[in-house]
Amino acid sequence: MFNSDSPFYGAETASAWLENDASLQLSDLMDPLLEVEMVFTAKENLLPSDSLAELLDKVSVSAGVELPDSRFKDWFPSLPKYLVVADGAVGGRVVYTKLKQLEGRLVSMT
């Protein structure tokens, strides 16, 4: 997608992050999508040398719904990657639940 070999990222503002009981008017956004996400929050610095168990101890996780948004109409999936980046990586809103501590627990996805 977007003919890229690496993730896009952009600046996020605190006002874009809403707790699960917040109200959100879709009319406040221009052309949003809806994506289900896992939200990981680092509680301390993450190091390349950390083991998986150490990484899990250093983060909290919550369920989230991301609403990427763009100033360009009908942007997904045809907007060129340079315009996606210029558009702040289509940052919109993220609605998330309370954080849960993983405490080194591994969850099988199979």
PDB file of N, CA and C in Angstrom:
ATOM      1  N   MET A   1       0.828  -1.169   0.000  1.00  0.00           N
ATOM      2  CA  MET A   1       0.000   0.000   0.000  1.00  0.00           C
ATOM      3  C   MET A   1       0.880   1.242   0.000  1.00  0.00           C
ATOM      4  N   PHE A   2       0.507   2.253  -0.725  1.00  0.00           N
ATOM      5  CA  PHE A   2       1.229   3.514  -0.853  1.00  0.00           C
ATOM      6  C   PHE A   2       2.642   3.315  -1.401  1.00  0.00           C
ATOM      7  N   ASN A   3       2.937   2.129  -1.942  1.00  0.00           N
ATOM      8  CA  ASN A   3       4.236   1.854  -2.551  1.00  0.00           C
ATOM      9  C   ASN A   3       5.388   2.259  -1.627  1.00  0.00           C
ATOM     10  N   SER A   4       5.362   1.749  -0.401  1.00  0.00           N
ATOM     11  CA  SER A   4       6.380   2.091   0.583  1.00  0.00           C
ATOM     12  C   SER A   4       6.935   0.826   1.224  1.00  0.00           C
ATOM     13  N   ASP A   5       8.211   0.885   1.622  1.00  0.00           N
ATOM     14  CA  ASP A   5       8.813  -0.269   2.288  1.00  0.00           C
ATOM     15  C   ASP A   5       9.046  -0.013   3.781  1.00  0.00           C
ATOM     16  N   SER A   6       8.468   1.078   4.313  1.00  0.00           N
ATOM     17  CA  SER A   6       8.602   1.362   5.736  1.00  0.00           C
ATOM     18  C   SER A   6       7.332   2.059   6.234  1.00  0.00           C
ATOM     19  N   PRO A   7       7.110   2.027   7.539  1.00  0.00           N
ATOM     20  CA  PRO A   7       5.883   2.640   8.077  1.00  0.00           C
ATOM     21  C   PRO A   7       5.878   4.154   7.927  1.00  0.00           C
ATOM     22  N   PHE A   8       4.696   4.707   7.809  1.00  0.00           N
ATOM     23  CA  PHE A   8       4.529   6.159   7.845  1.00  0.00           C
ATOM     24  C   PHE A   8       4.260   6.559   9.287  1.00  0.00           C
ATOM     25  N   TYR A   9       4.694   7.715   9.661  1.00  0.00           N
ATOM     26  CA  TYR A   9       4.363   8.228  10.982  1.00  0.00           C
ATOM     27  C   TYR A   9       4.307   9.742  10.905  1.00  0.00           C
ATOM     28  N   GLY A  10       3.574  10.322  11.823  1.00  0.00           N
ATOM     29  CA  GLY A  10       3.444  11.768  11.866  1.00  0.00           C
ATOM     30  C   GLY A  10       3.271  12.210  13.303  1.00  0.00           C
ATOM     31  N   ALA A  11       3.226  13.498  13.504  1.00  0.00           N
ATOM     32  CA  ALA A  11       3.054  14.053  14.840  1.00  0.00           C
ATOM     33  C   ALA A  11       1.639  13.788  15.346  1.00  0.00           C
ATOM     34  N   GLU A  12       1.525  13.453  16.605  1.00  0.00           N
ATOM     35  CA  GLU A  12       0.230  13.254  17.255  1.00  0.00           C
ATOM     36  C   GLU A  12       0.078  14.325  18.326  1.00  0.00           C
ATOM     37  N   THR A  13      -1.121  14.834  18.478  1.00  0.00           N
ATOM     38  CA  THR A  13      -1.381  15.799  19.536  1.00  0.00           C
ATOM     39  C   THR A  13      -2.239  15.136  20.607  1.00  0.00           C
ATOM     40  N   ALA A  14      -2.099  15.593  21.837  1.00  0.00           N
ATOM     41  CA  ALA A  14      -2.863  15.011  22.951  1.00  0.00           C
ATOM     42  C   ALA A  14      -4.366  15.092  22.694  1.00  0.00           C
ATOM     43  N   SER A  15      -4.817  16.152  22.026  1.00  0.00           N
ATOM     44  CA  SER A  15      -6.255  16.315  21.780  1.00  0.00           C
ATOM     45  C   SER A  15      -6.813  15.279  20.801  1.00  0.00           C
ATOM     46  N   ALA A  16      -5.950  14.590  20.071  1.00  0.00           N
ATOM     47  CA  ALA A  16      -6.403  13.557  19.134  1.00  0.00           C
ATOM     48  C   ALA A  16      -6.664  12.222  19.828  1.00  0.00           C
ATOM     49  N   TRP A  17      -6.203  12.071  21.076  1.00  0.00           N
ATOM     50  CA  TRP A  17      -6.345  10.822  21.836  1.00  0.00           C
ATOM     51  C   TRP A  17      -7.508  10.955  22.811  1.00  0.00           C
ATOM     52  N   LEU A  18      -8.516  10.109  22.649  1.00  0.00           N
ATOM     53  CA  LEU A  18      -9.742  10.201  23.431  1.00  0.00           C
ATOM     54  C   LEU A  18      -9.963   8.919  24.217  1.00  0.00           C
ATOM     55  N   GLU A  19     -10.321   9.051  25.491  1.00  0.00           N
ATOM     56  CA  GLU A  19     -10.629   7.865  26.287  1.00  0.00           C
ATOM     57  C   GLU A  19     -11.964   7.287  25.853  1.00  0.00           C
ATOM     58  N   ASN A  20     -12.176   6.012  26.169  1.00  0.00           N
ATOM     59  CA  ASN A  20     -13.285   5.244  25.614  1.00  0.00           C
ATOM     60  C   ASN A  20     -14.672   5.828  25.858  1.00  0.00           C
ATOM     61  N   ASP A  21     -14.857   6.681  26.846  1.00  0.00           N
ATOM     62  CA  ASP A  21     -16.188   7.236  27.079  1.00  0.00           C
ATOM     63  C   ASP A  21     -16.362   8.622  26.451  1.00  0.00           C
ATOM     64  N   ALA A  22     -15.403   9.036  25.630  1.00  0.00           N
ATOM     65  CA  ALA A  22     -15.469  10.347  24.982  1.00  0.00           C
ATOM     66  C   ALA A  22     -16.471  10.322  23.828  1.00  0.00           C
ATOM     67  N   SER A  23     -17.024  11.479  23.539  1.00  0.00           N
ATOM     68  CA  SER A  23     -17.902  11.639  22.377  1.00  0.00           C
ATOM     69  C   SER A  23     -17.080  12.191  21.225  1.00  0.00           C
ATOM     70  N   LEU A  24     -17.386  11.712  20.042  1.00  0.00           N
ATOM     71  CA  LEU A  24     -16.668  12.145  18.859  1.00  0.00           C
ATOM     72  C   LEU A  24     -17.674  12.383  17.746  1.00  0.00           C
ATOM     73  N   GLN A  25     -17.630  13.554  17.161  1.00  0.00           N
ATOM     74  CA  GLN A  25     -18.495  13.877  16.033  1.00  0.00           C
ATOM     75  C   GLN A  25     -17.721  13.610  14.741  1.00  0.00           C
ATOM     76  N   LEU A  26     -18.186  12.667  13.945  1.00  0.00           N
ATOM     77  CA  LEU A  26     -17.504  12.387  12.684  1.00  0.00           C
ATOM     78  C   LEU A  26     -17.512  13.601  11.768  1.00  0.00           C
ATOM     79  N   SER A  27     -18.471  14.488  11.951  1.00  0.00           N
ATOM     80  CA  SER A  27     -18.523  15.703  11.134  1.00  0.00           C
ATOM     81  C   SER A  27     -17.347  16.638  11.438  1.00  0.00           C
ATOM     82  N   ASP A  28     -16.622  16.404  12.560  1.00  0.00           N
ATOM     83  CA  ASP A  28     -15.428  17.187  12.867  1.00  0.00           C
ATOM     84  C   ASP A  28     -14.231  16.748  12.031  1.00  0.00           C
ATOM     85  N   LEU A  29     -14.347  15.589  11.390  1.00  0.00           N
ATOM     86  CA  LEU A  29     -13.276  15.052  10.552  1.00  0.00           C
ATOM     87  C   LEU A  29     -13.639  15.264   9.085  1.00  0.00           C
ATOM     88  N   MET A  30     -12.655  15.149   8.208  1.00  0.00           N
ATOM     89  CA  MET A  30     -12.896  15.438   6.796  1.00  0.00           C
ATOM     90  C   MET A  30     -13.258  14.208   5.972  1.00  0.00           C
ATOM     91  N   ASP A  31     -12.441  13.161   6.054  1.00  0.00           N
ATOM     92  CA  ASP A  31     -12.683  11.952   5.262  1.00  0.00           C
ATOM     93  C   ASP A  31     -12.099  10.749   6.017  1.00  0.00           C
ATOM     94  N   PRO A  32     -12.678  10.418   7.199  1.00  0.00           N
ATOM     95  CA  PRO A  32     -12.060   9.404   8.065  1.00  0.00           C
ATOM     96  C   PRO A  32     -12.312   7.970   7.620  1.00  0.00           C
ATOM     97  N   LEU A  33     -11.401   7.098   8.040  1.00  0.00           N
ATOM     98  CA  LEU A  33     -11.569   5.648   7.960  1.00  0.00           C
ATOM     99  C   LEU A  33     -11.733   5.155   9.389  1.00  0.00           C
ATOM    100  N   LEU A  34     -11.945   3.864   9.562  1.00  0.00           N
ATOM    101  CA  LEU A  34     -12.040   3.265  10.886  1.00  0.00           C
ATOM    102  C   LEU A  34     -11.136   2.038  10.918  1.00  0.00           C
ATOM    103  N   GLU A  35     -10.193   1.993  11.868  1.00  0.00           N
ATOM    104  CA  GLU A  35      -9.258   0.878  11.988  1.00  0.00           C
ATOM    105  C   GLU A  35      -9.194   0.418  13.442  1.00  0.00           C
ATOM    106  N   VAL A  36      -9.305  -0.884  13.669  1.00  0.00           N
ATOM    107  CA  VAL A  36      -9.146  -1.449  15.006  1.00  0.00           C
ATOM    108  C   VAL A  36      -7.655  -1.594  15.280  1.00  0.00           C
ATOM    109  N   GLU A  37      -7.216  -1.173  16.454  1.00  0.00           N
ATOM    110  CA  GLU A  37      -5.787  -1.162  16.785  1.00  0.00           C
ATOM    111  C   GLU A  37      -5.534  -1.700  18.181  1.00  0.00           C
ATOM    112  N   MET A  38      -4.314  -2.156  18.408  1.00  0.00           N
ATOM    113  CA  MET A  38      -3.789  -2.387  19.758  1.00  0.00           C
ATOM    114  C   MET A  38      -2.883  -1.201  20.039  1.00  0.00           C
ATOM    115  N   VAL A  39      -3.112  -0.529  21.175  1.00  0.00           N
ATOM    116  CA  VAL A  39      -2.352   0.664  21.530  1.00  0.00           C
ATOM    117  C   VAL A  39      -1.331   0.286  22.602  1.00  0.00           C
ATOM    118  N   PHE A  40      -0.063   0.393  22.269  1.00  0.00           N
ATOM    119  CA  PHE A  40       1.012   0.112  23.215  1.00  0.00           C
ATOM    120  C   PHE A  40       1.573   1.433  23.721  1.00  0.00           C
ATOM    121  N   THR A  41       1.713   1.563  25.034  1.00  0.00           N
ATOM    122  CA  THR A  41       2.264   2.765  25.640  1.00  0.00           C
ATOM    123  C   THR A  41       3.516   2.388  26.421  1.00  0.00           C
ATOM    124  N   ALA A  42       4.637   2.990  26.040  1.00  0.00           N
ATOM    125  CA  ALA A  42       5.896   2.715  26.735  1.00  0.00           C
ATOM    126  C   ALA A  42       5.897   3.436  28.075  1.00  0.00           C
ATOM    127  N   LYS A  43       6.243   2.698  29.138  1.00  0.00           N
ATOM    128  CA  LYS A  43       6.337   3.266  30.481  1.00  0.00           C
ATOM    129  C   LYS A  43       7.764   3.697  30.797  1.00  0.00           C
ATOM    130  N   GLU A  44       8.709   3.190  30.028  1.00  0.00           N
ATOM    131  CA  GLU A  44      10.119   3.554  30.174  1.00  0.00           C
ATOM    132  C   GLU A  44      10.793   3.316  28.840  1.00  0.00           C
ATOM    133  N   ASN A  45      12.058   3.693  28.737  1.00  0.00           N
ATOM    134  CA  ASN A  45      12.770   3.551  27.471  1.00  0.00           C
ATOM    135  C   ASN A  45      12.822   2.094  27.019  1.00  0.00           C
ATOM    136  N   LEU A  46      12.559   1.881  25.733  1.00  0.00           N
ATOM    137  CA  LEU A  46      12.672   0.557  25.128  1.00  0.00           C
ATOM    138  C   LEU A  46      14.023   0.474  24.436  1.00  0.00           C
ATOM    139  N   LEU A  47      14.730  -0.623  24.683  1.00  0.00           N
ATOM    140  CA  LEU A  47      16.081  -0.770  24.151  1.00  0.00           C
ATOM    141  C   LEU A  47      16.144  -1.910  23.147  1.00  0.00           C
ATOM    142  N   PRO A  48      16.990  -1.796  22.127  1.00  0.00           N
ATOM    143  CA  PRO A  48      17.142  -2.894  21.170  1.00  0.00           C
ATOM    144  C   PRO A  48      17.597  -4.190  21.830  1.00  0.00           C
ATOM    145  N   SER A  49      18.280  -4.084  22.951  1.00  0.00           N
ATOM    146  CA  SER A  49      18.795  -5.269  23.641  1.00  0.00           C
ATOM    147  C   SER A  49      17.753  -5.930  24.557  1.00  0.00           C
ATOM    148  N   ASP A  50      16.580  -5.313  24.748  1.00  0.00           N
ATOM    149  CA  ASP A  50      15.547  -5.881  25.617  1.00  0.00           C
ATOM    150  C   ASP A  50      15.042  -7.218  25.075  1.00  0.00           C
ATOM    151  N   SER A  51      14.833  -8.156  25.979  1.00  0.00           N
ATOM    152  CA  SER A  51      14.194  -9.419  25.599  1.00  0.00           C
ATOM    153  C   SER A  51      12.704  -9.156  25.430  1.00  0.00           C
ATOM    154  N   LEU A  52      11.998 -10.118  24.874  1.00  0.00           N
ATOM    155  CA  LEU A  52      10.551  -9.972  24.713  1.00  0.00           C
ATOM    156  C   LEU A  52       9.875  -9.778  26.069  1.00  0.00           C
ATOM    157  N   ALA A  53      10.295 -10.541  27.074  1.00  0.00           N
ATOM    158  CA  ALA A  53       9.716 -10.399  28.413  1.00  0.00           C
ATOM    159  C   ALA A  53       9.983  -9.007  28.991  1.00  0.00           C
ATOM    160  N   GLU A  54      11.201  -8.485  28.776  1.00  0.00           N
ATOM    161  CA  GLU A  54      11.521  -7.137  29.260  1.00  0.00           C
ATOM    162  C   GLU A  54      10.670  -6.088  28.554  1.00  0.00           C
ATOM    163  N   LEU A  55      10.500  -6.242  27.254  1.00  0.00           N
ATOM    164  CA  LEU A  55       9.652  -5.301  26.509  1.00  0.00           C
ATOM    165  C   LEU A  55       8.218  -5.319  27.023  1.00  0.00           C
ATOM    166  N   LEU A  56       7.694  -6.518  27.276  1.00  0.00           N
ATOM    167  CA  LEU A  56       6.322  -6.622  27.775  1.00  0.00           C
ATOM    168  C   LEU A  56       6.178  -5.966  29.144  1.00  0.00           C
ATOM    169  N   ASP A  57       7.215  -6.038  29.977  1.00  0.00           N
ATOM    170  CA  ASP A  57       7.176  -5.389  31.283  1.00  0.00           C
ATOM    171  C   ASP A  57       7.235  -3.864  31.171  1.00  0.00           C
ATOM    172  N   LYS A  58       7.771  -3.356  30.075  1.00  0.00           N
ATOM    173  CA  LYS A  58       7.962  -1.920  29.906  1.00  0.00           C
ATOM    174  C   LYS A  58       6.801  -1.220  29.197  1.00  0.00           C
ATOM    175  N   VAL A  59       5.780  -1.966  28.801  1.00  0.00           N
ATOM    176  CA  VAL A  59       4.659  -1.351  28.078  1.00  0.00           C
ATOM    177  C   VAL A  59       3.334  -1.720  28.723  1.00  0.00           C
ATOM    178  N   SER A  60       2.358  -0.884  28.470  1.00  0.00           N
ATOM    179  CA  SER A  60       0.968  -1.194  28.772  1.00  0.00           C
ATOM    180  C   SER A  60       0.247  -1.285  27.434  1.00  0.00           C
ATOM    181  N   VAL A  61      -0.869  -1.991  27.404  1.00  0.00           N
ATOM    182  CA  VAL A  61      -1.597  -2.163  26.149  1.00  0.00           C
ATOM    183  C   VAL A  61      -3.076  -1.885  26.392  1.00  0.00           C
ATOM    184  N   SER A  62      -3.728  -1.385  25.388  1.00  0.00           N
ATOM    185  CA  SER A  62      -5.173  -1.175  25.452  1.00  0.00           C
ATOM    186  C   SER A  62      -5.756  -1.376  24.062  1.00  0.00           C
ATOM    187  N   ALA A  63      -7.045  -1.624  24.025  1.00  0.00           N
ATOM    188  CA  ALA A  63      -7.746  -1.700  22.747  1.00  0.00           C
ATOM    189  C   ALA A  63      -7.984  -0.284  22.248  1.00  0.00           C
ATOM    190  N   GLY A  64      -7.992  -0.136  20.946  1.00  0.00           N
ATOM    191  CA  GLY A  64      -8.218   1.189  20.396  1.00  0.00           C
ATOM    192  C   GLY A  64      -8.884   1.138  19.042  1.00  0.00           C
ATOM    193  N   VAL A  65      -9.442   2.260  18.673  1.00  0.00           N
ATOM    194  CA  VAL A  65      -9.998   2.462  17.339  1.00  0.00           C
ATOM    195  C   VAL A  65      -9.343   3.723  16.798  1.00  0.00           C
ATOM    196  N   GLU A  66      -8.669   3.585  15.672  1.00  0.00           N
ATOM    197  CA  GLU A  66      -8.046   4.741  15.036  1.00  0.00           C
ATOM    198  C   GLU A  66      -8.945   5.237  13.918  1.00  0.00           C
ATOM    199  N   LEU A  67      -9.057   6.545  13.815  1.00  0.00           N
ATOM    200  CA  LEU A  67      -9.801   7.165  12.724  1.00  0.00           C
ATOM    201  C   LEU A  67      -8.834   8.042  11.937  1.00  0.00           C
ATOM    202  N   PRO A  68      -8.043   7.430  11.029  1.00  0.00           N
ATOM    203  CA  PRO A  68      -7.157   8.253  10.216  1.00  0.00           C
ATOM    204  C   PRO A  68      -8.009   9.191   9.357  1.00  0.00           C
ATOM    205  N   ASP A  69      -7.504  10.381   9.129  1.00  0.00           N
ATOM    206  CA  ASP A  69      -8.269  11.390   8.414  1.00  0.00           C
ATOM    207  C   ASP A  69      -7.329  12.130   7.472  1.00  0.00           C
ATOM    208  N   SER A  70      -7.868  12.652   6.410  1.00  0.00           N
ATOM    209  CA  SER A  70      -7.058  13.361   5.429  1.00  0.00           C
ATOM    210  C   SER A  70      -7.771  14.619   4.960  1.00  0.00           C
ATOM    211  N   ARG A  71      -6.984  15.558   4.563  1.00  0.00           N
ATOM    212  CA  ARG A  71      -7.548  16.765   3.957  1.00  0.00           C
ATOM    213  C   ARG A  71      -7.911  16.535   2.498  1.00  0.00           C
ATOM    214  N   PHE A  72      -7.534  15.368   1.970  1.00  0.00           N
ATOM    215  CA  PHE A  72      -7.813  15.045   0.576  1.00  0.00           C
ATOM    216  C   PHE A  72      -9.042  14.148   0.497  1.00  0.00           C
ATOM    217  N   LYS A  73     -10.008  14.471  -0.318  1.00  0.00           N
ATOM    218  CA  LYS A  73     -11.221  13.675  -0.495  1.00  0.00           C
ATOM    219  C   LYS A  73     -10.875  12.361  -1.192  1.00  0.00           C
ATOM    220  N   ASP A  74     -11.538  11.273  -0.769  1.00  0.00           N
ATOM    221  CA  ASP A  74     -11.342   9.945  -1.377  1.00  0.00           C
ATOM    222  C   ASP A  74      -9.860   9.570  -1.432  1.00  0.00           C
ATOM    223  N   TRP A  75      -9.161   9.793  -0.340  1.00  0.00           N
ATOM    224  CA  TRP A  75      -7.718   9.603  -0.305  1.00  0.00           C
ATOM    225  C   TRP A  75      -7.289   8.150  -0.243  1.00  0.00           C
ATOM    226  N   PHE A  76      -8.089   7.289   0.356  1.00  0.00           N
ATOM    227  CA  PHE A  76      -7.667   5.901   0.550  1.00  0.00           C
ATOM    228  C   PHE A  76      -8.225   5.020  -0.547  1.00  0.00           C
ATOM    229  N   PRO A  77      -7.431   4.180  -1.149  1.00  0.00           N
ATOM    230  CA  PRO A  77      -5.990   3.911  -0.964  1.00  0.00           C
ATOM    231  C   PRO A  77      -5.121   4.545  -2.033  1.00  0.00           C
ATOM    232  N   SER A  78      -5.614   5.538  -2.734  1.00  0.00           N
ATOM    233  CA  SER A  78      -4.894   6.011  -3.919  1.00  0.00           C
ATOM    234  C   SER A  78      -4.030   7.252  -3.720  1.00  0.00           C
ATOM    235  N   LEU A  79      -4.025   7.856  -2.531  1.00  0.00           N
ATOM    236  CA  LEU A  79      -3.221   9.052  -2.319  1.00  0.00           C
ATOM    237  C   LEU A  79      -1.733   8.694  -2.376  1.00  0.00           C
ATOM    238  N   PRO A  80      -0.945   9.415  -3.173  1.00  0.00           N
ATOM    239  CA  PRO A  80       0.501   9.121  -3.236  1.00  0.00           C
ATOM    240  C   PRO A  80       1.161   9.280  -1.864  1.00  0.00           C
ATOM    241  N   LYS A  81       2.165   8.456  -1.604  1.00  0.00           N
ATOM    242  CA  LYS A  81       2.791   8.430  -0.280  1.00  0.00           C
ATOM    243  C   LYS A  81       3.347   9.789   0.136  1.00  0.00           C
ATOM    244  N   TYR A  82       3.812  10.588  -0.795  1.00  0.00           N
ATOM    245  CA  TYR A  82       4.364  11.897  -0.426  1.00  0.00           C
ATOM    246  C   TYR A  82       3.266  12.828   0.084  1.00  0.00           C
ATOM    247  N   LEU A  83       2.062  12.699  -0.443  1.00  0.00           N
ATOM    248  CA  LEU A  83       0.947  13.500   0.053  1.00  0.00           C
ATOM    249  C   LEU A  83       0.450  12.974   1.401  1.00  0.00           C
ATOM    250  N   VAL A  84       0.552  11.654   1.616  1.00  0.00           N
ATOM    251  CA  VAL A  84       0.197  11.094   2.928  1.00  0.00           C
ATOM    252  C   VAL A  84       1.116  11.679   3.995  1.00  0.00           C
ATOM    253  N   VAL A  85       2.409  11.708   3.723  1.00  0.00           N
ATOM    254  CA  VAL A  85       3.375  12.260   4.668  1.00  0.00           C
ATOM    255  C   VAL A  85       3.136  13.761   4.843  1.00  0.00           C
ATOM    256  N   ALA A  86       2.899  14.477   3.743  1.00  0.00           N
ATOM    257  CA  ALA A  86       2.642  15.920   3.824  1.00  0.00           C
ATOM    258  C   ALA A  86       1.368  16.211   4.607  1.00  0.00           C
ATOM    259  N   ASP A  87       0.454  15.263   4.634  1.00  0.00           N
ATOM    260  CA  ASP A  87      -0.818  15.427   5.337  1.00  0.00           C
ATOM    261  C   ASP A  87      -0.716  14.944   6.789  1.00  0.00           C
ATOM    262  N   GLY A  88       0.493  14.920   7.333  1.00  0.00           N
ATOM    263  CA  GLY A  88       0.682  14.498   8.730  1.00  0.00           C
ATOM    264  C   GLY A  88       0.407  13.023   8.924  1.00  0.00           C
ATOM    265  N   ALA A  89       0.685  12.212   7.914  1.00  0.00           N
ATOM    266  CA  ALA A  89       0.454  10.759   7.955  1.00  0.00           C
ATOM    267  C   ALA A  89      -1.007  10.453   8.279  1.00  0.00           C
ATOM    268  N   VAL A  90      -1.877  11.285   7.754  1.00  0.00           N
ATOM    269  CA  VAL A  90      -3.334  11.161   7.902  1.00  0.00           C
ATOM    270  C   VAL A  90      -3.763  10.926   9.350  1.00  0.00           C
ATOM    271  N   GLY A  91      -3.150  11.686  10.251  1.00  0.00           N
ATOM    272  CA  GLY A  91      -3.522  11.613  11.664  1.00  0.00           C
ATOM    273  C   GLY A  91      -4.921  12.178  11.876  1.00  0.00           C
ATOM    274  N   GLY A  92      -5.732  11.455  12.607  1.00  0.00           N
ATOM    275  CA  GLY A  92      -7.077  11.916  12.914  1.00  0.00           C
ATOM    276  C   GLY A  92      -7.336  11.835  14.403  1.00  0.00           C
ATOM    277  N   ARG A  93      -7.974  10.750  14.826  1.00  0.00           N
ATOM    278  CA  ARG A  93      -8.277  10.533  16.238  1.00  0.00           C
ATOM    279  C   ARG A  93      -7.976   9.078  16.591  1.00  0.00           C
ATOM    280  N   VAL A  94      -7.736   8.838  17.879  1.00  0.00           N
ATOM    281  CA  VAL A  94      -7.605   7.489  18.418  1.00  0.00           C
ATOM    282  C   VAL A  94      -8.458   7.440  19.678  1.00  0.00           C
ATOM    283  N   VAL A  95      -9.366   6.477  19.730  1.00  0.00           N
ATOM    284  CA  VAL A  95     -10.172   6.241  20.923  1.00  0.00           C
ATOM    285  C   VAL A  95      -9.620   4.969  21.556  1.00  0.00           C
ATOM    286  N   TYR A  96      -9.309   5.017  22.867  1.00  0.00           N
ATOM    287  CA  TYR A  96      -8.658   3.871  23.505  1.00  0.00           C
ATOM    288  C   TYR A  96      -9.312   3.554  24.845  1.00  0.00           C
ATOM    289  N   THR A  97      -9.129   2.313  25.279  1.00  0.00           N
ATOM    290  CA  THR A  97      -9.648   1.857  26.567  1.00  0.00           C
ATOM    291  C   THR A  97      -8.577   2.043  27.641  1.00  0.00           C
ATOM    292  N   LYS A  98      -8.897   1.674  28.863  1.00  0.00           N
ATOM    293  CA  LYS A  98      -7.922   1.754  29.953  1.00  0.00           C
ATOM    294  C   LYS A  98      -6.721   0.867  29.644  1.00  0.00           C
ATOM    295  N   LEU A  99      -5.551   1.323  30.060  1.00  0.00           N
ATOM    296  CA  LEU A  99      -4.320   0.569  29.849  1.00  0.00           C
ATOM    297  C   LEU A  99      -4.272  -0.649  30.758  1.00  0.00           C
ATOM    298  N   LYS A 100      -3.754  -1.747  30.238  1.00  0.00           N
ATOM    299  CA  LYS A 100      -3.544  -2.963  31.018  1.00  0.00           C
ATOM    300  C   LYS A 100      -2.058  -3.278  31.002  1.00  0.00           C
ATOM    301  N   GLN A 101      -1.537  -3.680  32.150  1.00  0.00           N
ATOM    302  CA  GLN A 101      -0.137  -4.070  32.264  1.00  0.00           C
ATOM    303  C   GLN A 101       0.025  -5.504  31.772  1.00  0.00           C
ATOM    304  N   LEU A 102       0.993  -5.742  30.903  1.00  0.00           N
ATOM    305  CA  LEU A 102       1.219  -7.089  30.373  1.00  0.00           C
ATOM    306  C   LEU A 102       2.021  -7.965  31.318  1.00  0.00           C
ATOM    307  N   GLU A 103       2.935  -7.388  32.090  1.00  0.00           N
ATOM    308  CA  GLU A 103       3.727  -8.111  33.086  1.00  0.00           C
ATOM    309  C   GLU A 103       4.360  -9.395  32.552  1.00  0.00           C
ATOM    310  N   GLY A 104       4.992  -9.293  31.401  1.00  0.00           N
ATOM    311  CA  GLY A 104       5.726 -10.426  30.859  1.00  0.00           C
ATOM    312  C   GLY A 104       4.868 -11.555  30.324  1.00  0.00           C
ATOM    313  N   ARG A 105       3.555 -11.375  30.256  1.00  0.00           N
ATOM    314  CA  ARG A 105       2.674 -12.435  29.762  1.00  0.00           C
ATOM    315  C   ARG A 105       2.686 -12.458  28.241  1.00  0.00           C
ATOM    316  N   LEU A 106       2.816 -13.607  27.691  1.00  0.00           N
ATOM    317  CA  LEU A 106       2.759 -13.778  26.247  1.00  0.00           C
ATOM    318  C   LEU A 106       1.396 -14.307  25.869  1.00  0.00           C
ATOM    319  N   VAL A 107       0.851 -13.783  24.806  1.00  0.00           N
ATOM    320  CA  VAL A 107      -0.463 -14.211  24.324  1.00  0.00           C
ATOM    321  C   VAL A 107      -0.282 -14.839  22.963  1.00  0.00           C
ATOM    322  N   SER A 108      -0.779 -16.037  22.778  1.00  0.00           N
ATOM    323  CA  SER A 108      -0.688 -16.716  21.493  1.00  0.00           C
ATOM    324  C   SER A 108      -1.778 -16.200  20.573  1.00  0.00           C
ATOM    325  N   MET A 109      -1.413 -15.871  19.357  1.00  0.00           N
ATOM    326  CA  MET A 109      -2.372 -15.395  18.367  1.00  0.00           C
ATOM    327  C   MET A 109      -2.785 -16.511  17.406  1.00  0.00           C
ATOM    328  N   THR A 110      -2.382 -17.763  17.687  1.00  0.00           N
ATOM    329  CA  THR A 110      -2.726 -18.860  16.783  1.00  0.00           C
ATOM    330  C   THR A 110      -3.906 -19.640  17.293  1.00  0.00           C
TER     331      THR A 110
END
